[in-house]
N, C-alpha and C. Protein backbone atom coordinates (compact mmCIF):
# COMPACT_ATOMS: atom_id res chain seq x y z
N MET A 1 -58.51 77.79 -2.28
CA MET A 1 -59.61 77.42 -1.86
C MET A 1 -59.87 76.29 -1.79
N VAL A 2 -59.38 75.27 -2.36
CA VAL A 2 -59.77 73.85 -2.29
C VAL A 2 -59.25 73.31 -1.16
N ARG A 3 -57.71 73.46 -0.90
CA ARG A 3 -56.70 72.70 0.29
C ARG A 3 -58.00 73.19 1.84
N GLY A 4 -58.78 74.57 1.60
CA GLY A 4 -59.39 75.15 2.97
C GLY A 4 -60.29 74.39 3.07
N SER A 5 -61.27 73.89 2.15
CA SER A 5 -62.55 73.56 2.18
C SER A 5 -62.29 71.92 2.04
N ARG A 6 -61.20 71.36 2.02
CA ARG A 6 -60.74 69.79 1.99
C ARG A 6 -60.76 69.77 3.29
N GLU A 7 -59.54 70.35 3.95
CA GLU A 7 -59.38 70.43 6.15
C GLU A 7 -60.62 70.75 6.68
N PHE A 8 -61.34 71.01 6.03
CA PHE A 8 -62.41 71.90 7.22
C PHE A 8 -63.14 71.13 7.71
N PRO A 9 -63.48 69.87 6.85
CA PRO A 9 -64.68 68.75 7.59
C PRO A 9 -63.75 68.06 8.36
N GLN A 10 -62.84 68.16 8.21
CA GLN A 10 -61.80 67.10 9.15
C GLN A 10 -61.60 67.72 10.55
N CYS A 11 -61.42 69.31 10.50
CA CYS A 11 -61.84 69.64 11.84
C CYS A 11 -62.47 69.62 12.59
N ILE A 12 -63.74 70.01 11.85
CA ILE A 12 -65.02 69.97 12.31
C ILE A 12 -65.60 68.61 12.90
N SER A 13 -65.18 67.67 12.08
CA SER A 13 -65.71 66.17 12.08
C SER A 13 -65.03 65.91 13.73
N PHE A 14 -63.61 65.77 14.05
CA PHE A 14 -63.32 65.80 15.00
C PHE A 14 -63.47 66.26 16.24
N VAL A 15 -63.85 67.90 16.21
CA VAL A 15 -64.26 68.11 17.35
C VAL A 15 -65.91 67.83 17.72
N VAL A 16 -66.88 68.06 16.54
CA VAL A 16 -68.32 68.05 16.97
C VAL A 16 -68.73 66.58 16.93
N PHE A 17 -68.55 65.88 15.67
CA PHE A 17 -69.47 65.22 15.64
C PHE A 17 -68.80 63.62 15.97
N THR A 18 -69.62 62.72 16.39
CA THR A 18 -69.13 61.61 16.57
C THR A 18 -70.08 60.68 15.81
N CYS A 19 -69.42 59.95 14.38
CA CYS A 19 -70.13 59.90 13.14
C CYS A 19 -69.64 58.26 12.67
N LYS A 20 -70.48 57.68 11.97
CA LYS A 20 -70.07 56.34 11.18
C LYS A 20 -69.29 56.80 9.76
N LEU A 21 -68.18 56.06 9.84
CA LEU A 21 -66.99 56.40 8.54
C LEU A 21 -67.49 55.25 8.06
N ILE A 22 -67.26 55.34 6.80
CA ILE A 22 -67.57 54.35 5.52
C ILE A 22 -66.60 54.47 4.46
N THR A 23 -66.19 53.58 4.07
CA THR A 23 -65.47 53.86 2.73
C THR A 23 -65.83 54.23 2.04
N ILE A 24 -65.59 55.06 0.80
CA ILE A 24 -66.35 55.47 -0.23
C ILE A 24 -66.37 54.85 -1.58
N LEU A 25 -65.56 53.60 -1.79
CA LEU A 25 -65.72 52.56 -2.44
C LEU A 25 -66.69 51.52 -2.47
N LEU A 26 -66.96 50.70 -1.27
CA LEU A 26 -67.57 49.78 -0.79
C LEU A 26 -68.89 50.13 0.38
N TYR A 27 -68.67 51.56 0.81
CA TYR A 27 -69.84 51.87 1.56
C TYR A 27 -69.76 50.78 3.29
N LYS A 28 -68.62 50.61 3.71
CA LYS A 28 -68.78 49.24 4.67
C LYS A 28 -68.38 50.33 5.41
N PRO A 29 -68.63 50.08 6.53
CA PRO A 29 -68.05 50.29 7.87
C PRO A 29 -66.40 50.34 8.11
N VAL A 30 -65.34 51.41 8.41
CA VAL A 30 -63.98 51.35 8.15
C VAL A 30 -63.66 51.85 9.77
N ARG A 31 -62.27 51.63 10.13
CA ARG A 31 -61.98 52.33 11.24
C ARG A 31 -61.68 53.91 10.72
N LYS A 32 -61.22 54.89 12.25
CA LYS A 32 -61.38 56.18 11.88
C LYS A 32 -59.61 56.14 11.65
N GLY A 33 -59.44 57.09 10.50
CA GLY A 33 -57.83 57.04 10.10
C GLY A 33 -57.77 56.48 8.87
N THR A 34 -58.67 55.18 8.11
CA THR A 34 -58.15 55.02 7.19
C THR A 34 -58.67 55.93 5.92
N ASN A 35 -57.88 55.87 5.14
CA ASN A 35 -57.63 56.36 3.61
C ASN A 35 -58.89 56.23 3.02
N GLY A 36 -59.85 56.96 2.60
CA GLY A 36 -60.61 56.88 1.80
C GLY A 36 -62.23 57.19 2.66
N GLY A 37 -62.30 57.23 3.68
CA GLY A 37 -63.37 56.98 4.74
C GLY A 37 -64.02 58.60 4.89
N VAL A 38 -65.08 58.34 4.78
CA VAL A 38 -66.28 59.48 4.42
C VAL A 38 -67.49 59.19 5.84
N THR A 39 -67.99 60.42 6.21
CA THR A 39 -69.22 60.59 6.53
C THR A 39 -69.72 61.34 6.11
N LEU A 40 -71.28 61.40 6.33
CA LEU A 40 -72.14 62.18 5.44
C LEU A 40 -71.86 63.72 6.35
N GLN A 41 -71.46 63.38 7.38
CA GLN A 41 -71.29 65.36 8.32
C GLN A 41 -70.12 65.56 7.75
N GLY A 42 -68.94 64.87 7.14
CA GLY A 42 -67.63 65.24 6.84
C GLY A 42 -68.20 66.35 5.33
N LEU A 43 -68.58 65.40 4.88
CA LEU A 43 -69.18 65.86 3.21
C LEU A 43 -69.92 67.14 3.31
N LEU A 44 -70.66 67.26 4.35
CA LEU A 44 -71.81 68.37 4.54
C LEU A 44 -70.26 69.59 4.96
N ALA A 45 -69.68 69.07 5.49
CA ALA A 45 -68.83 70.24 6.33
C ALA A 45 -67.86 70.94 5.38
N ALA A 46 -67.16 69.69 4.31
CA ALA A 46 -66.77 70.11 3.24
C ALA A 46 -67.30 71.02 2.07
N THR A 47 -68.81 70.43 1.99
CA THR A 47 -69.61 71.66 1.28
C THR A 47 -69.52 73.02 1.88
N GLY A 48 -69.73 72.98 3.43
CA GLY A 48 -70.01 74.21 3.96
C GLY A 48 -68.72 74.72 4.02
N GLY A 49 -67.98 74.43 4.07
CA GLY A 49 -66.28 75.09 3.95
C GLY A 49 -66.03 75.59 2.56
N GLY A 50 -66.78 75.03 1.71
CA GLY A 50 -66.55 75.73 0.22
C GLY A 50 -67.43 77.13 0.27
N LEU A 51 -68.51 76.78 0.49
CA LEU A 51 -69.35 77.75 1.07
C LEU A 51 -68.87 79.21 1.68
N ILE A 52 -68.58 78.91 2.99
CA ILE A 52 -67.57 79.93 3.33
C ILE A 52 -66.64 80.65 2.85
N ILE A 53 -65.75 80.30 1.97
CA ILE A 53 -64.72 80.60 1.18
C ILE A 53 -65.33 81.59 -0.18
N GLY A 54 -66.27 80.99 -0.67
CA GLY A 54 -66.86 81.86 -1.64
C GLY A 54 -67.57 83.02 -0.99
N LEU A 55 -68.40 82.69 -0.15
CA LEU A 55 -68.96 83.86 0.80
C LEU A 55 -67.76 85.13 0.77
N THR A 56 -66.68 84.85 1.36
CA THR A 56 -66.04 85.46 1.62
C THR A 56 -65.49 86.47 0.31
N PHE A 57 -65.21 85.58 -0.47
CA PHE A 57 -64.85 86.19 -1.93
C PHE A 57 -65.84 87.42 -2.12
N VAL A 58 -67.35 86.97 -2.27
CA VAL A 58 -68.17 87.63 -3.02
C VAL A 58 -68.50 89.02 -1.60
N ILE A 59 -68.26 88.61 -0.63
CA ILE A 59 -68.57 89.85 0.26
C ILE A 59 -67.36 91.18 0.31
N ILE A 60 -65.94 90.16 0.02
CA ILE A 60 -64.97 90.90 -0.12
C ILE A 60 -64.65 91.71 -1.44
N GLY A 61 -65.19 91.21 -2.70
CA GLY A 61 -65.53 91.66 -4.00
C GLY A 61 -66.75 92.90 -4.03
N LEU A 62 -67.83 92.64 -3.29
CA LEU A 62 -68.28 93.87 -3.21
C LEU A 62 -68.21 95.13 -2.26
N LEU A 63 -67.55 94.86 -1.07
CA LEU A 63 -67.01 95.77 -0.54
C LEU A 63 -65.95 96.55 -1.19
N THR A 64 -65.34 96.16 -2.18
CA THR A 64 -63.78 96.65 -2.87
C THR A 64 -64.03 96.74 -4.23
N ALA A 65 -65.05 96.57 -4.70
CA ALA A 65 -65.05 96.69 -6.30
C ALA A 65 -66.49 97.70 -6.72
N GLU A 66 -66.00 98.17 -7.13
CA GLU A 66 -67.18 99.29 -8.43
C GLU A 66 -67.51 98.21 -9.36
N CYS A 67 -69.04 97.91 -9.58
CA CYS A 67 -69.59 97.43 -10.33
C CYS A 67 -70.99 97.57 -10.59
N SER A 68 -71.64 97.13 -11.85
CA SER A 68 -72.67 97.35 -12.14
C SER A 68 -73.71 96.24 -11.08
N PHE A 69 -75.30 96.81 -10.99
CA PHE A 69 -75.71 95.78 -10.16
C PHE A 69 -75.80 94.64 -10.59
N ASP A 70 -76.07 94.64 -11.89
CA ASP A 70 -76.04 93.16 -12.25
C ASP A 70 -74.79 92.24 -12.30
N MET A 71 -73.67 92.98 -12.50
CA MET A 71 -72.58 92.08 -12.34
C MET A 71 -72.37 91.95 -11.03
N ALA A 72 -72.86 92.29 -9.95
CA ALA A 72 -72.64 92.33 -8.66
C ALA A 72 -73.63 90.39 -8.54
N LEU A 73 -74.66 90.67 -9.05
CA LEU A 73 -75.64 89.89 -9.18
C LEU A 73 -75.13 88.59 -9.49
N ARG A 74 -74.38 88.80 -10.82
CA ARG A 74 -74.07 87.87 -11.38
C ARG A 74 -72.71 86.81 -10.51
N GLN A 75 -71.60 88.03 -9.79
CA GLN A 75 -70.68 87.34 -8.68
C GLN A 75 -71.50 85.96 -7.29
N LEU A 76 -72.85 86.19 -7.22
CA LEU A 76 -73.33 85.45 -6.33
C LEU A 76 -73.22 83.86 -7.35
N LEU A 77 -73.24 83.48 -8.41
CA LEU A 77 -72.94 82.36 -8.65
C LEU A 77 -71.61 81.97 -8.17
N VAL A 78 -70.74 82.61 -7.47
CA VAL A 78 -69.94 81.79 -6.84
C VAL A 78 -69.66 80.63 -5.58
N LEU A 79 -71.43 81.15 -5.34
CA LEU A 79 -71.82 80.41 -4.21
C LEU A 79 -71.58 79.22 -4.14
N PRO A 80 -72.76 78.82 -5.29
CA PRO A 80 -72.85 77.43 -5.53
C PRO A 80 -71.45 76.86 -6.22
N ILE A 81 -70.83 77.43 -6.64
CA ILE A 81 -69.81 77.02 -7.41
C ILE A 81 -68.89 76.14 -6.52
N SER A 82 -68.79 77.39 -5.42
CA SER A 82 -67.54 76.83 -4.16
C SER A 82 -67.93 75.90 -3.70
N ALA A 83 -69.24 75.89 -3.20
CA ALA A 83 -69.91 74.81 -2.62
C ALA A 83 -69.71 73.32 -2.86
N ALA A 84 -69.85 73.14 -4.11
CA ALA A 84 -69.29 72.30 -5.17
C ALA A 84 -67.89 71.95 -5.01
N ALA A 85 -67.06 72.64 -5.22
CA ALA A 85 -65.95 72.82 -5.01
C ALA A 85 -65.24 71.92 -4.08
N GLY A 86 -65.99 72.78 -3.03
CA GLY A 86 -65.72 71.71 -1.54
C GLY A 86 -65.82 70.65 -1.73
N LEU A 87 -67.17 70.36 -1.94
CA LEU A 87 -67.74 68.86 -1.97
C LEU A 87 -66.83 67.82 -2.86
N LEU A 88 -66.78 68.37 -4.25
CA LEU A 88 -65.99 67.72 -4.96
C LEU A 88 -64.34 67.63 -4.78
N GLY A 89 -63.71 68.07 -3.95
CA GLY A 89 -62.62 68.28 -3.72
C GLY A 89 -62.03 66.93 -2.27
N SER A 90 -63.13 66.87 -1.65
CA SER A 90 -63.62 66.00 -0.39
C SER A 90 -63.35 64.49 -1.35
N LEU A 91 -64.56 64.76 -1.96
CA LEU A 91 -64.75 63.23 -2.87
C LEU A 91 -63.35 62.65 -3.38
N ILE A 92 -63.00 63.59 -4.19
CA ILE A 92 -61.82 62.85 -5.12
C ILE A 92 -60.66 62.97 -4.14
N ASP A 93 -60.24 63.88 -2.96
CA ASP A 93 -59.46 63.29 -2.17
C ASP A 93 -59.20 61.86 -1.67
N SER A 94 -60.91 61.81 -0.86
CA SER A 94 -61.20 60.31 -0.60
C SER A 94 -61.06 59.42 -1.38
N LEU A 95 -61.40 59.20 -2.76
CA LEU A 95 -61.48 58.09 -4.07
C LEU A 95 -59.98 58.22 -4.13
N LEU A 96 -59.14 58.82 -4.39
CA LEU A 96 -57.60 58.79 -4.27
C LEU A 96 -57.10 58.15 -3.25
N GLY A 97 -57.56 58.81 -1.96
CA GLY A 97 -56.53 58.07 -1.25
C GLY A 97 -57.20 56.35 -0.51
N ALA A 98 -58.51 56.04 -1.11
CA ALA A 98 -58.75 54.54 -0.68
C ALA A 98 -58.59 54.33 -2.45
N THR A 99 -57.93 54.63 -3.40
CA THR A 99 -57.47 53.83 -4.17
C THR A 99 -55.83 53.53 -4.35
N LEU A 100 -55.20 54.51 -4.24
CA LEU A 100 -53.54 54.99 -4.47
C LEU A 100 -52.82 55.02 -3.25
N GLN A 101 -53.35 55.12 -2.01
CA GLN A 101 -52.94 55.39 -0.63
C GLN A 101 -52.92 54.00 0.37
N PHE A 102 -52.07 53.65 0.66
CA PHE A 102 -52.45 52.67 1.74
C PHE A 102 -52.24 52.69 2.48
N SER A 103 -53.71 51.72 3.34
CA SER A 103 -54.21 52.06 4.48
C SER A 103 -54.21 50.59 5.12
N GLY A 104 -53.87 50.43 6.19
CA GLY A 104 -53.51 48.89 7.08
C GLY A 104 -53.76 49.10 8.73
N TYR A 105 -54.17 48.38 9.44
CA TYR A 105 -54.15 48.03 10.65
C TYR A 105 -53.04 47.69 11.70
N CYS A 106 -52.59 48.28 12.64
CA CYS A 106 -51.46 47.72 12.82
C CYS A 106 -51.78 46.93 14.31
N SER A 107 -52.02 45.69 14.61
CA SER A 107 -52.13 44.78 15.85
C SER A 107 -51.28 45.14 16.94
N VAL A 108 -50.38 45.54 16.65
CA VAL A 108 -49.53 45.76 18.19
C VAL A 108 -49.91 47.51 18.21
N ARG A 109 -49.84 48.31 17.68
CA ARG A 109 -50.11 49.68 17.80
C ARG A 109 -51.70 50.13 18.23
N LYS A 110 -52.48 49.23 17.81
CA LYS A 110 -53.76 49.12 17.63
C LYS A 110 -54.36 50.45 16.63
N LYS A 111 -53.80 50.57 15.80
CA LYS A 111 -54.29 51.76 14.78
C LYS A 111 -54.05 51.52 13.61
N VAL A 112 -55.00 52.63 12.68
CA VAL A 112 -54.80 52.46 11.27
C VAL A 112 -53.12 53.14 11.11
N VAL A 113 -52.58 52.77 10.27
CA VAL A 113 -51.09 53.34 9.61
C VAL A 113 -51.49 53.17 8.08
N SER A 114 -50.42 53.58 7.30
CA SER A 114 -50.40 54.21 6.02
C SER A 114 -48.86 53.03 5.98
N LYS A 115 -48.51 52.19 6.31
CA LYS A 115 -47.25 51.70 5.83
C LYS A 115 -47.30 50.50 6.19
N ARG A 116 -46.94 49.30 5.36
CA ARG A 116 -46.90 48.05 5.40
C ARG A 116 -46.11 47.53 6.45
N GLY A 117 -46.26 46.44 7.13
CA GLY A 117 -45.60 45.91 8.10
C GLY A 117 -45.35 44.69 8.30
N PRO A 118 -44.68 43.84 9.16
CA PRO A 118 -45.36 42.26 9.27
C PRO A 118 -46.72 42.41 10.44
N THR A 119 -46.56 43.41 10.99
CA THR A 119 -48.08 43.10 12.10
C THR A 119 -49.34 44.06 11.51
N VAL A 120 -49.34 44.37 10.26
CA VAL A 120 -50.23 45.24 9.37
C VAL A 120 -51.24 44.59 8.37
N THR A 121 -52.33 44.39 8.66
CA THR A 121 -53.40 44.12 7.60
C THR A 121 -53.48 45.24 7.02
N LYS A 122 -53.87 44.52 6.05
CA LYS A 122 -54.31 45.98 5.06
C LYS A 122 -55.99 45.84 4.65
N ILE A 123 -56.08 47.21 5.05
CA ILE A 123 -57.75 47.89 4.91
C ILE A 123 -58.15 48.25 3.40
N SER A 124 -57.21 48.72 2.87
CA SER A 124 -57.56 49.52 1.71
C SER A 124 -56.10 50.26 0.97
N GLY A 125 -56.38 49.99 -0.26
CA GLY A 125 -55.80 50.63 -1.32
C GLY A 125 -53.97 50.44 -1.66
N ILE A 126 -53.48 51.06 -2.43
CA ILE A 126 -52.12 50.15 -2.95
C ILE A 126 -50.84 51.21 -2.76
N THR A 127 -49.81 51.08 -2.30
CA THR A 127 -48.65 52.08 -2.24
C THR A 127 -48.09 52.96 -3.35
N VAL A 128 -49.01 54.14 -4.09
CA VAL A 128 -48.71 54.66 -5.14
C VAL A 128 -48.43 56.04 -4.69
N LEU A 129 -49.37 56.38 -4.02
CA LEU A 129 -49.09 58.10 -3.42
C LEU A 129 -49.14 57.93 -1.79
N ASP A 130 -48.19 59.30 -1.30
CA ASP A 130 -48.58 59.25 0.07
C ASP A 130 -49.37 60.05 0.24
N ASN A 131 -49.60 60.37 1.43
CA ASN A 131 -50.70 61.46 1.67
C ASN A 131 -50.71 63.12 1.31
N ASP A 132 -49.45 63.34 1.37
CA ASP A 132 -49.25 64.53 0.13
C ASP A 132 -49.35 64.83 -0.71
N ALA A 133 -49.06 63.59 -1.67
CA ALA A 133 -49.15 63.25 -3.08
C ALA A 133 -50.87 63.21 -3.19
N VAL A 134 -51.58 62.83 -2.34
CA VAL A 134 -52.91 62.60 -2.69
C VAL A 134 -53.41 63.82 -2.60
N ASN A 135 -53.01 64.61 -1.70
CA ASN A 135 -53.58 66.29 -1.09
C ASN A 135 -53.07 66.89 -2.78
N ALA A 136 -51.76 66.72 -3.17
CA ALA A 136 -51.58 67.72 -4.34
C ALA A 136 -52.20 67.44 -5.60
N VAL A 137 -52.60 66.14 -5.88
CA VAL A 137 -53.32 65.59 -7.10
C VAL A 137 -54.77 66.18 -6.78
N SER A 138 -55.58 65.81 -5.73
CA SER A 138 -56.77 66.46 -5.56
C SER A 138 -57.18 67.65 -5.54
N ILE A 139 -55.82 68.40 -5.14
CA ILE A 139 -56.06 69.76 -5.08
C ILE A 139 -56.29 70.36 -6.65
N LEU A 140 -55.29 69.55 -7.55
CA LEU A 140 -55.04 69.84 -9.03
C LEU A 140 -56.17 69.72 -9.78
N ILE A 141 -56.85 68.69 -9.73
CA ILE A 141 -57.77 68.29 -10.31
C ILE A 141 -59.16 69.04 -9.95
N THR A 142 -59.08 69.16 -8.48
CA THR A 142 -60.73 70.13 -7.97
C THR A 142 -60.16 71.47 -8.73
N THR A 143 -59.17 71.91 -8.82
CA THR A 143 -58.77 73.80 -9.08
C THR A 143 -58.92 73.73 -10.97
N ALA A 144 -58.76 72.25 -11.58
CA ALA A 144 -58.61 72.07 -12.86
C ALA A 144 -59.95 72.15 -12.97
N LEU A 145 -61.08 71.55 -12.33
CA LEU A 145 -62.33 71.54 -12.89
C LEU A 145 -63.52 72.60 -12.79
N THR A 146 -63.10 73.21 -11.22
CA THR A 146 -63.17 74.40 -10.61
C THR A 146 -63.09 75.41 -11.66
N ALA A 147 -62.47 76.01 -12.20
CA ALA A 147 -61.65 76.68 -13.22
C ALA A 147 -62.49 76.68 -14.83
N TYR A 148 -62.91 75.17 -15.31
CA TYR A 148 -63.21 75.23 -16.25
C TYR A 148 -64.78 75.74 -16.52
N ALA A 149 -65.21 75.09 -14.72
CA ALA A 149 -66.88 75.27 -14.55
C ALA A 149 -67.10 76.85 -14.35
N CYS A 150 -65.78 77.43 -14.02
CA CYS A 150 -65.91 79.08 -14.20
C CYS A 150 -65.78 79.67 -15.39
N ILE A 151 -65.06 79.59 -16.45
CA ILE A 151 -65.02 80.12 -17.28
C ILE A 151 -66.37 79.36 -18.35
N TYR A 152 -66.85 78.47 -18.29
CA TYR A 152 -67.99 78.13 -19.17
C TYR A 152 -69.25 79.10 -18.71
N ILE A 153 -68.98 79.26 -17.09
CA ILE A 153 -70.77 80.06 -16.35
C ILE A 153 -70.17 81.61 -16.51
N PHE A 154 -68.67 82.06 -16.62
CA PHE A 154 -68.62 83.65 -16.42
C PHE A 154 -68.09 83.89 -17.97
């Protein structure tokens, strides 16, 4: 659930929106491709992606499981939890990317890069995690927090 809702805004943002990208830490405009960059549309898409995943869970559960009406209604609580998990996962990923993943601008290639070099000017982050590690850590944290919320609520 977490990975899908986290990737959803990237797909939607590139296809549908032309939006202002800001860094999650300083709220200043950044170039497309900068780690830790967020848009309002992207955050809404992450929330929507989580909601779609939760809605799929609820629909399949209602169609395949036999339970009382009260239990079926209680399963609807998955919807706000999954929407919040989509948003939370996106925010965690952006925070980790902005702080622990290097982003720089290459003056030769004229684009944002993730490795240091003689023609690269630092934009944000330090070189602790690569993109795969940021994804793994954000998924782990989001999954743990969502699981804790579900144990508490259900």
